[in-house]
Amino acid sequence: MIRLYVLDIDGCITFPFVAPPWEPLSKIRQLSHQSKTDSSIPDLALCTGRPYPYAEAVAQYLDIRRPVIFESGGGLFDPVRHSVEFSPHFDERALREKNEIADYVVNQVLPGYSSAHLEFTKYTDVGIVGNNEDEIKEMYEQVKTWVEPNYPDVEVHTTEVSVNVIRKSC
C-alpha cells in the first residue's frame, strides 16, 4: 500500500512563464484533502528545485501538510510547524562557495543575456532562469566550464528554462 506520494510540480505539471493548468492542480488539491480522511489515498508531499517561496505557495494551494523539499534538497519546509531547515551539508564553506558562484553569474554571465536573471530568493544554490532556450544552453556551458574545475563539490544542471548549480551532498 502506498502511504506517501511525492510530487515534483514545477516542470512536470506547471511550467515557467505560463499560467498553471488549474484543472489538474485542483484535482491534486482535492486528492490532498481526501487523503486526510480516506486511507486508500496516499498523503502528498512536494520536492522541487525551486526556491522556498515557490514551495510554500504550492504547498499552501495544494494543502500539503507533509514537509516540502525545496532547492533540490538544500532546504526543507514544514507547513505544519511553519519552519524552514537547511541541509546540514550546507555549511559556512558551502555558503561562501554559493556566494562566489552567484557573484560570477551576476557579473560575468548575465550581462551578456537579456532574457535571463538570477533566482535571487534561493539560499543554497545558484539558479538562472530565462525564456530563451538557446541562451540557456550557452549560459549552461559557460557556467559549467567555470564552476566544475573550481568547485568540485557542486553540480551544474540545466533545463530548457534554467541553469542550476547545486551541492552534490544536498
N, C-alpha and C. Protein backbone atom coordinates (compact mmCIF):
# COMPACT_ATOMS: atom_id res chain seq x y z
N MET A 1 0.84 -1.18 0.00
CA MET A 1 0.00 0.00 0.00
C MET A 1 0.88 1.25 0.00
N ILE A 2 0.59 2.17 -0.86
CA ILE A 2 1.34 3.43 -0.94
C ILE A 2 0.80 4.37 0.12
N ARG A 3 1.70 4.89 0.97
CA ARG A 3 1.27 5.80 2.03
C ARG A 3 1.65 7.25 1.78
N LEU A 4 2.65 7.46 0.92
CA LEU A 4 3.10 8.82 0.64
C LEU A 4 3.44 8.93 -0.83
N TYR A 5 2.94 9.97 -1.46
CA TYR A 5 3.21 10.23 -2.87
C TYR A 5 3.93 11.58 -2.94
N VAL A 6 5.14 11.57 -3.48
CA VAL A 6 5.94 12.79 -3.55
C VAL A 6 5.85 13.35 -4.97
N LEU A 7 5.45 14.61 -5.07
CA LEU A 7 5.24 15.26 -6.36
C LEU A 7 6.34 16.28 -6.64
N ASP A 8 6.76 16.33 -7.88
CA ASP A 8 7.58 17.44 -8.36
C ASP A 8 6.70 18.19 -9.33
N ILE A 9 6.15 19.30 -8.90
CA ILE A 9 5.18 20.03 -9.71
C ILE A 9 5.84 20.81 -10.84
N ASP A 10 6.80 21.68 -10.50
CA ASP A 10 7.36 22.61 -11.47
C ASP A 10 8.18 21.87 -12.53
N GLY A 11 7.84 22.10 -13.78
CA GLY A 11 8.50 21.42 -14.89
C GLY A 11 7.84 20.09 -15.21
N CYS A 12 6.93 19.65 -14.37
CA CYS A 12 6.22 18.40 -14.60
C CYS A 12 4.75 18.66 -14.90
N ILE A 13 4.10 19.42 -14.02
CA ILE A 13 2.71 19.81 -14.25
C ILE A 13 2.62 21.29 -14.58
N THR A 14 3.37 22.10 -13.85
CA THR A 14 3.42 23.53 -14.16
C THR A 14 4.72 23.82 -14.90
N PHE A 15 4.71 24.91 -15.66
CA PHE A 15 5.88 25.27 -16.44
C PHE A 15 6.14 26.77 -16.28
N PRO A 16 7.40 27.14 -16.18
CA PRO A 16 7.72 28.56 -16.00
C PRO A 16 7.20 29.42 -17.15
N PHE A 17 6.84 30.64 -16.81
CA PHE A 17 6.46 31.68 -17.77
C PHE A 17 5.09 31.48 -18.40
N VAL A 18 4.32 30.49 -17.94
CA VAL A 18 2.95 30.32 -18.43
C VAL A 18 2.03 30.07 -17.24
N ALA A 19 0.74 30.37 -17.42
CA ALA A 19 -0.24 30.15 -16.35
C ALA A 19 -0.32 28.66 -16.01
N PRO A 20 -0.47 28.34 -14.73
CA PRO A 20 -0.57 26.93 -14.33
C PRO A 20 -1.84 26.29 -14.88
N PRO A 21 -1.80 24.99 -15.11
CA PRO A 21 -3.02 24.28 -15.53
C PRO A 21 -3.88 24.01 -14.29
N TRP A 22 -4.84 24.87 -14.05
CA TRP A 22 -5.58 24.83 -12.80
C TRP A 22 -6.39 23.56 -12.61
N GLU A 23 -6.91 22.97 -13.67
CA GLU A 23 -7.73 21.77 -13.52
C GLU A 23 -6.95 20.61 -12.91
N PRO A 24 -5.77 20.23 -13.46
CA PRO A 24 -5.01 19.15 -12.81
C PRO A 24 -4.55 19.52 -11.40
N LEU A 25 -4.15 20.77 -11.20
CA LEU A 25 -3.73 21.18 -9.85
C LEU A 25 -4.89 21.12 -8.87
N SER A 26 -6.08 21.49 -9.32
CA SER A 26 -7.25 21.42 -8.45
C SER A 26 -7.58 19.97 -8.12
N LYS A 27 -7.38 19.07 -9.07
CA LYS A 27 -7.60 17.64 -8.80
C LYS A 27 -6.60 17.13 -7.76
N ILE A 28 -5.36 17.54 -7.88
CA ILE A 28 -4.35 17.15 -6.89
C ILE A 28 -4.73 17.71 -5.52
N ARG A 29 -5.19 18.95 -5.50
CA ARG A 29 -5.62 19.56 -4.23
C ARG A 29 -6.77 18.76 -3.62
N GLN A 30 -7.72 18.37 -4.45
CA GLN A 30 -8.85 17.56 -3.97
C GLN A 30 -8.35 16.24 -3.39
N LEU A 31 -7.41 15.59 -4.07
CA LEU A 31 -6.86 14.34 -3.56
C LEU A 31 -6.12 14.57 -2.25
N SER A 32 -5.43 15.70 -2.14
CA SER A 32 -4.74 16.03 -0.89
C SER A 32 -5.74 16.13 0.25
N HIS A 33 -6.86 16.79 0.01
CA HIS A 33 -7.91 16.89 1.04
C HIS A 33 -8.45 15.51 1.39
N GLN A 34 -8.72 14.70 0.38
CA GLN A 34 -9.28 13.37 0.60
C GLN A 34 -8.32 12.47 1.36
N SER A 35 -7.02 12.66 1.14
CA SER A 35 -6.04 11.78 1.79
C SER A 35 -6.08 11.89 3.31
N LYS A 36 -6.61 12.98 3.81
CA LYS A 36 -6.67 13.19 5.26
C LYS A 36 -7.77 12.35 5.92
N THR A 37 -8.75 11.90 5.12
CA THR A 37 -9.85 11.11 5.69
C THR A 37 -10.03 9.75 5.02
N ASP A 38 -9.36 9.54 3.88
CA ASP A 38 -9.51 8.30 3.12
C ASP A 38 -8.16 7.60 3.05
N SER A 39 -8.01 6.50 3.78
CA SER A 39 -6.71 5.81 3.85
C SER A 39 -6.31 5.16 2.52
N SER A 40 -7.22 5.06 1.57
CA SER A 40 -6.85 4.48 0.28
C SER A 40 -6.13 5.50 -0.62
N ILE A 41 -6.12 6.75 -0.21
CA ILE A 41 -5.43 7.80 -0.97
C ILE A 41 -4.18 8.20 -0.20
N PRO A 42 -3.01 8.05 -0.81
CA PRO A 42 -1.77 8.38 -0.09
C PRO A 42 -1.67 9.87 0.22
N ASP A 43 -1.01 10.17 1.32
CA ASP A 43 -0.72 11.55 1.67
C ASP A 43 0.24 12.11 0.61
N LEU A 44 0.25 13.42 0.45
CA LEU A 44 1.07 14.05 -0.59
C LEU A 44 2.18 14.89 0.02
N ALA A 45 3.30 14.91 -0.68
CA ALA A 45 4.43 15.76 -0.31
C ALA A 45 5.02 16.34 -1.59
N LEU A 46 5.83 17.37 -1.45
CA LEU A 46 6.44 18.03 -2.60
C LEU A 46 7.96 17.97 -2.52
N CYS A 47 8.58 17.91 -3.68
CA CYS A 47 10.03 18.02 -3.83
C CYS A 47 10.25 18.86 -5.07
N THR A 48 11.02 19.95 -4.95
CA THR A 48 11.21 20.84 -6.08
C THR A 48 12.61 21.45 -6.07
N GLY A 49 13.05 21.85 -7.20
CA GLY A 49 14.31 22.59 -7.31
C GLY A 49 14.09 24.08 -7.11
N ARG A 50 12.85 24.49 -7.08
CA ARG A 50 12.52 25.90 -6.95
C ARG A 50 12.80 26.39 -5.53
N PRO A 51 12.85 27.72 -5.35
CA PRO A 51 13.15 28.27 -4.03
C PRO A 51 11.99 28.14 -3.04
N TYR A 52 12.31 28.41 -1.79
CA TYR A 52 11.34 28.30 -0.70
C TYR A 52 10.01 29.01 -0.97
N PRO A 53 9.99 30.28 -1.43
CA PRO A 53 8.69 30.93 -1.60
C PRO A 53 7.76 30.18 -2.55
N TYR A 54 8.32 29.62 -3.62
CA TYR A 54 7.51 28.84 -4.55
C TYR A 54 6.98 27.58 -3.85
N ALA A 55 7.87 26.89 -3.14
CA ALA A 55 7.47 25.65 -2.47
C ALA A 55 6.37 25.91 -1.44
N GLU A 56 6.50 26.98 -0.68
CA GLU A 56 5.47 27.30 0.32
C GLU A 56 4.14 27.62 -0.36
N ALA A 57 4.17 28.42 -1.42
CA ALA A 57 2.93 28.80 -2.10
C ALA A 57 2.22 27.58 -2.67
N VAL A 58 2.96 26.69 -3.31
CA VAL A 58 2.35 25.50 -3.89
C VAL A 58 1.83 24.59 -2.78
N ALA A 59 2.58 24.45 -1.70
CA ALA A 59 2.12 23.62 -0.58
C ALA A 59 0.82 24.18 0.01
N GLN A 60 0.74 25.50 0.12
CA GLN A 60 -0.49 26.09 0.64
C GLN A 60 -1.66 25.82 -0.30
N TYR A 61 -1.45 26.05 -1.59
CA TYR A 61 -2.54 25.85 -2.55
C TYR A 61 -3.02 24.39 -2.55
N LEU A 62 -2.08 23.46 -2.49
CA LEU A 62 -2.44 22.04 -2.56
C LEU A 62 -2.80 21.46 -1.20
N ASP A 63 -2.71 22.26 -0.15
CA ASP A 63 -2.99 21.82 1.23
C ASP A 63 -2.08 20.66 1.62
N ILE A 64 -0.81 20.78 1.28
CA ILE A 64 0.19 19.78 1.65
C ILE A 64 0.55 20.00 3.12
N ARG A 65 0.48 18.95 3.90
CA ARG A 65 0.78 19.04 5.34
C ARG A 65 2.06 18.30 5.69
N ARG A 66 2.70 17.69 4.73
CA ARG A 66 3.98 16.99 4.93
C ARG A 66 5.12 17.95 4.63
N PRO A 67 6.31 17.69 5.15
CA PRO A 67 7.46 18.55 4.81
C PRO A 67 7.71 18.59 3.31
N VAL A 68 8.16 19.75 2.85
CA VAL A 68 8.38 20.02 1.44
C VAL A 68 9.88 20.25 1.22
N ILE A 69 10.45 19.47 0.31
CA ILE A 69 11.86 19.65 -0.05
C ILE A 69 11.93 20.71 -1.13
N PHE A 70 12.83 21.68 -0.96
CA PHE A 70 13.00 22.72 -1.98
C PHE A 70 14.48 22.90 -2.28
N GLU A 71 14.78 23.66 -3.31
CA GLU A 71 16.14 23.90 -3.78
C GLU A 71 16.92 22.60 -3.95
N SER A 72 16.27 21.63 -4.56
CA SER A 72 16.90 20.34 -4.91
C SER A 72 17.53 19.64 -3.71
N GLY A 73 16.90 19.73 -2.57
CA GLY A 73 17.41 19.07 -1.37
C GLY A 73 18.15 20.01 -0.44
N GLY A 74 18.30 21.25 -0.83
CA GLY A 74 19.00 22.21 0.02
C GLY A 74 18.21 22.64 1.24
N GLY A 75 16.88 22.57 1.14
CA GLY A 75 16.04 23.02 2.25
C GLY A 75 14.81 22.17 2.43
N LEU A 76 14.23 22.31 3.62
CA LEU A 76 13.03 21.57 3.98
C LEU A 76 12.08 22.53 4.69
N PHE A 77 10.86 22.65 4.17
CA PHE A 77 9.83 23.49 4.77
C PHE A 77 8.77 22.60 5.37
N ASP A 78 8.45 22.82 6.64
CA ASP A 78 7.40 22.08 7.31
C ASP A 78 6.18 22.99 7.41
N PRO A 79 5.12 22.72 6.61
CA PRO A 79 3.96 23.60 6.62
C PRO A 79 3.13 23.53 7.90
N VAL A 80 3.27 22.46 8.68
CA VAL A 80 2.52 22.36 9.93
C VAL A 80 3.18 23.22 11.00
N ARG A 81 4.49 23.10 11.15
CA ARG A 81 5.22 23.91 12.13
C ARG A 81 5.60 25.28 11.58
N HIS A 82 5.39 25.47 10.29
CA HIS A 82 5.81 26.65 9.55
C HIS A 82 7.28 26.98 9.85
N SER A 83 8.10 25.97 9.62
CA SER A 83 9.53 26.11 9.87
C SER A 83 10.32 25.77 8.62
N VAL A 84 11.52 26.33 8.54
CA VAL A 84 12.42 26.07 7.42
C VAL A 84 13.74 25.59 7.98
N GLU A 85 14.27 24.52 7.42
CA GLU A 85 15.58 24.00 7.78
C GLU A 85 16.39 23.87 6.51
N PHE A 86 17.70 24.01 6.64
CA PHE A 86 18.58 23.81 5.51
C PHE A 86 19.42 22.57 5.75
N SER A 87 19.86 21.96 4.67
CA SER A 87 20.64 20.74 4.75
C SER A 87 21.84 20.94 5.67
N PRO A 88 22.14 19.96 6.51
CA PRO A 88 23.34 20.07 7.34
C PRO A 88 24.62 20.09 6.51
N HIS A 89 24.53 19.68 5.25
CA HIS A 89 25.67 19.73 4.35
C HIS A 89 25.93 21.15 3.82
N PHE A 90 24.96 22.03 4.06
CA PHE A 90 25.12 23.40 3.61
C PHE A 90 25.70 24.22 4.76
N ASP A 91 27.02 24.16 4.86
CA ASP A 91 27.73 24.82 5.95
C ASP A 91 28.30 26.17 5.50
N GLU A 92 29.15 26.77 6.33
CA GLU A 92 29.73 28.08 6.00
C GLU A 92 30.54 28.04 4.71
N ARG A 93 31.27 26.97 4.51
CA ARG A 93 32.05 26.84 3.27
C ARG A 93 31.12 26.78 2.06
N ALA A 94 30.05 26.00 2.18
CA ALA A 94 29.10 25.89 1.08
C ALA A 94 28.44 27.24 0.78
N LEU A 95 28.12 28.00 1.82
CA LEU A 95 27.53 29.32 1.62
C LEU A 95 28.51 30.26 0.93
N ARG A 96 29.77 30.22 1.37
CA ARG A 96 30.79 31.07 0.74
C ARG A 96 30.93 30.71 -0.74
N GLU A 97 31.01 29.43 -1.05
CA GLU A 97 31.14 29.00 -2.44
C GLU A 97 29.90 29.38 -3.26
N LYS A 98 28.73 29.20 -2.69
CA LYS A 98 27.50 29.58 -3.40
C LYS A 98 27.52 31.07 -3.71
N ASN A 99 27.95 31.88 -2.76
CA ASN A 99 28.00 33.33 -2.99
C ASN A 99 29.04 33.70 -4.04
N GLU A 100 30.18 33.00 -4.06
CA GLU A 100 31.20 33.25 -5.09
C GLU A 100 30.66 32.90 -6.48
N ILE A 101 29.95 31.79 -6.56
CA ILE A 101 29.37 31.37 -7.84
C ILE A 101 28.28 32.36 -8.27
N ALA A 102 27.47 32.80 -7.34
CA ALA A 102 26.42 33.78 -7.66
C ALA A 102 27.05 35.08 -8.16
N ASP A 103 28.13 35.52 -7.52
CA ASP A 103 28.83 36.73 -7.97
C ASP A 103 29.34 36.56 -9.40
N TYR A 104 29.91 35.40 -9.68
CA TYR A 104 30.39 35.11 -11.04
C TYR A 104 29.24 35.19 -12.04
N VAL A 105 28.13 34.55 -11.71
CA VAL A 105 26.98 34.55 -12.61
C VAL A 105 26.47 35.96 -12.85
N VAL A 106 26.32 36.73 -11.77
CA VAL A 106 25.79 38.09 -11.89
C VAL A 106 26.73 39.01 -12.68
N ASN A 107 28.03 38.89 -12.42
CA ASN A 107 29.00 39.81 -13.02
C ASN A 107 29.59 39.36 -14.35
N GLN A 108 29.67 38.06 -14.58
CA GLN A 108 30.35 37.56 -15.77
C GLN A 108 29.42 36.89 -16.79
N VAL A 109 28.31 36.34 -16.33
CA VAL A 109 27.44 35.60 -17.24
C VAL A 109 26.22 36.42 -17.66
N LEU A 110 25.44 36.86 -16.71
CA LEU A 110 24.17 37.51 -17.02
C LEU A 110 24.28 38.79 -17.83
N PRO A 111 25.33 39.60 -17.69
CA PRO A 111 25.37 40.82 -18.51
C PRO A 111 25.31 40.55 -20.02
N GLY A 112 25.65 39.36 -20.46
CA GLY A 112 25.60 39.04 -21.88
C GLY A 112 24.25 38.53 -22.36
N TYR A 113 23.28 38.43 -21.44
CA TYR A 113 21.99 37.83 -21.81
C TYR A 113 20.84 38.65 -21.22
N SER A 114 19.99 39.14 -22.09
CA SER A 114 18.88 39.97 -21.62
C SER A 114 17.64 39.17 -21.24
N SER A 115 17.61 37.89 -21.60
CA SER A 115 16.40 37.10 -21.37
C SER A 115 16.42 36.31 -20.06
N ALA A 116 17.47 36.48 -19.25
CA ALA A 116 17.60 35.65 -18.05
C ALA A 116 17.91 36.50 -16.83
N HIS A 117 17.66 35.90 -15.67
CA HIS A 117 18.00 36.55 -14.42
C HIS A 117 18.32 35.51 -13.35
N LEU A 118 18.94 35.98 -12.29
CA LEU A 118 19.29 35.13 -11.15
C LEU A 118 18.04 34.88 -10.32
N GLU A 119 17.85 33.65 -9.88
CA GLU A 119 16.77 33.36 -8.94
C GLU A 119 17.25 33.85 -7.57
N PHE A 120 17.00 35.11 -7.29
CA PHE A 120 17.58 35.77 -6.13
C PHE A 120 17.04 35.28 -4.79
N THR A 121 15.93 34.55 -4.78
CA THR A 121 15.40 34.07 -3.50
C THR A 121 15.99 32.74 -3.06
N LYS A 122 16.86 32.17 -3.85
CA LYS A 122 17.48 30.91 -3.46
C LYS A 122 18.58 31.15 -2.43
N TYR A 123 18.69 30.21 -1.49
CA TYR A 123 19.69 30.32 -0.43
C TYR A 123 20.82 29.31 -0.61
N THR A 124 20.51 28.07 -1.00
CA THR A 124 21.52 27.02 -1.02
C THR A 124 22.10 26.73 -2.40
N ASP A 125 21.49 27.26 -3.44
CA ASP A 125 22.04 27.02 -4.76
C ASP A 125 21.92 28.26 -5.63
N VAL A 126 22.55 28.21 -6.76
CA VAL A 126 22.52 29.33 -7.70
C VAL A 126 21.68 28.91 -8.89
N GLY A 127 20.65 29.68 -9.17
CA GLY A 127 19.77 29.37 -10.28
C GLY A 127 19.66 30.55 -11.23
N ILE A 128 19.70 30.24 -12.50
CA ILE A 128 19.44 31.21 -13.55
C ILE A 128 18.17 30.75 -14.25
N VAL A 129 17.24 31.67 -14.47
CA VAL A 129 16.03 31.34 -15.23
C VAL A 129 15.89 32.30 -16.40
N GLY A 130 15.37 31.78 -17.49
CA GLY A 130 15.17 32.59 -18.68
C GLY A 130 14.27 31.89 -19.66
N ASN A 131 13.75 32.64 -20.61
CA ASN A 131 12.80 32.04 -21.54
C ASN A 131 13.37 31.85 -22.95
N ASN A 132 14.70 31.97 -23.10
CA ASN A 132 15.34 31.74 -24.39
C ASN A 132 16.20 30.49 -24.27
N GLU A 133 15.73 29.39 -24.83
CA GLU A 133 16.41 28.10 -24.66
C GLU A 133 17.84 28.11 -25.21
N ASP A 134 18.07 28.78 -26.32
CA ASP A 134 19.42 28.84 -26.87
C ASP A 134 20.37 29.57 -25.92
N GLU A 135 19.90 30.66 -25.33
CA GLU A 135 20.73 31.39 -24.38
C GLU A 135 20.97 30.57 -23.12
N ILE A 136 19.96 29.83 -22.67
CA ILE A 136 20.13 28.95 -21.50
C ILE A 136 21.23 27.93 -21.78
N LYS A 137 21.23 27.34 -22.96
CA LYS A 137 22.27 26.36 -23.33
C LYS A 137 23.66 27.01 -23.30
N GLU A 138 23.77 28.22 -23.83
CA GLU A 138 25.06 28.93 -23.81
C GLU A 138 25.50 29.22 -22.38
N MET A 139 24.58 29.70 -21.56
CA MET A 139 24.92 30.01 -20.17
C MET A 139 25.32 28.75 -19.41
N TYR A 140 24.62 27.66 -19.67
CA TYR A 140 24.95 26.39 -19.04
C TYR A 140 26.41 26.01 -19.33
N GLU A 141 26.80 26.07 -20.59
CA GLU A 141 28.18 25.72 -20.96
C GLU A 141 29.19 26.67 -20.30
N GLN A 142 28.87 27.95 -20.28
CA GLN A 142 29.76 28.93 -19.66
C GLN A 142 29.90 28.69 -18.16
N VAL A 143 28.79 28.49 -17.50
CA VAL A 143 28.81 28.26 -16.04
C VAL A 143 29.51 26.95 -15.73
N LYS A 144 29.16 25.91 -16.43
CA LYS A 144 29.76 24.58 -16.19
C LYS A 144 31.27 24.62 -16.40
N THR A 145 31.72 25.27 -17.45
CA THR A 145 33.15 25.34 -17.76
C THR A 145 33.92 26.05 -16.66
N TRP A 146 33.31 27.05 -16.04
CA TRP A 146 33.99 27.79 -14.97
C TRP A 146 33.82 27.12 -13.61
N VAL A 147 32.64 26.62 -13.33
CA VAL A 147 32.34 26.09 -11.99
C VAL A 147 32.99 24.74 -11.73
N GLU A 148 32.86 23.79 -12.63
CA GLU A 148 33.29 22.43 -12.34
C GLU A 148 34.76 22.31 -11.92
N PRO A 149 35.72 22.98 -12.60
CA PRO A 149 37.10 22.84 -12.14
C PRO A 149 37.40 23.60 -10.84
N ASN A 150 36.61 24.61 -10.54
CA ASN A 150 36.86 25.44 -9.36
C ASN A 150 36.10 25.00 -8.11
N TYR A 151 35.00 24.27 -8.30
CA TYR A 151 34.14 23.88 -7.18
C TYR A 151 33.74 22.42 -7.34
N PRO A 152 34.58 21.49 -6.90
CA PRO A 152 34.31 20.07 -7.13
C PRO A 152 33.13 19.51 -6.34
N ASP A 153 32.63 20.26 -5.36
CA ASP A 153 31.52 19.76 -4.55
C ASP A 153 30.14 20.19 -5.05
N VAL A 154 30.10 20.78 -6.25
CA VAL A 154 28.82 21.19 -6.81
C VAL A 154 28.61 20.55 -8.18
N GLU A 155 27.36 20.57 -8.62
CA GLU A 155 26.98 20.07 -9.94
C GLU A 155 26.25 21.19 -10.68
N VAL A 156 26.39 21.21 -11.98
CA VAL A 156 25.68 22.18 -12.81
C VAL A 156 24.67 21.41 -13.65
N HIS A 157 23.42 21.82 -13.54
CA HIS A 157 22.33 21.17 -14.27
C HIS A 157 21.62 22.19 -15.13
N THR A 158 20.89 21.70 -16.13
CA THR A 158 20.12 22.61 -16.97
C THR A 158 18.79 21.99 -17.35
N THR A 159 17.84 22.88 -17.62
CA THR A 159 16.57 22.52 -18.25
C THR A 159 16.41 23.49 -19.42
N GLU A 160 15.29 23.44 -20.09
CA GLU A 160 15.09 24.37 -21.19
C GLU A 160 14.92 25.82 -20.73
N VAL A 161 14.68 26.02 -19.43
CA VAL A 161 14.47 27.38 -18.91
C VAL A 161 15.39 27.74 -17.74
N SER A 162 16.37 26.87 -17.42
CA SER A 162 17.17 27.17 -16.23
C SER A 162 18.56 26.55 -16.28
N VAL A 163 19.43 27.16 -15.48
CA VAL A 163 20.74 26.61 -15.15
C VAL A 163 20.78 26.60 -13.63
N ASN A 164 21.17 25.48 -13.04
CA ASN A 164 21.19 25.37 -11.59
C ASN A 164 22.52 24.79 -11.13
N VAL A 165 23.11 25.44 -10.14
CA VAL A 165 24.34 24.97 -9.54
C VAL A 165 24.00 24.55 -8.12
N ILE A 166 24.09 23.24 -7.84
CA ILE A 166 23.65 22.70 -6.56
C ILE A 166 24.78 21.90 -5.90
N ARG A 167 24.70 21.79 -4.58
CA ARG A 167 25.65 20.99 -3.83
C ARG A 167 25.40 19.52 -4.11
N LYS A 168 26.44 18.77 -4.38
CA LYS A 168 26.30 17.32 -4.59
C LYS A 168 25.73 16.66 -3.34
N SER A 169 26.14 17.11 -2.18
CA SER A 169 25.73 16.48 -0.93
C SER A 169 24.26 16.78 -0.58
N CYS A 170 23.68 17.78 -1.18
CA CYS A 170 22.29 18.10 -0.88
C CYS A 170 21.35 17.29 -1.79
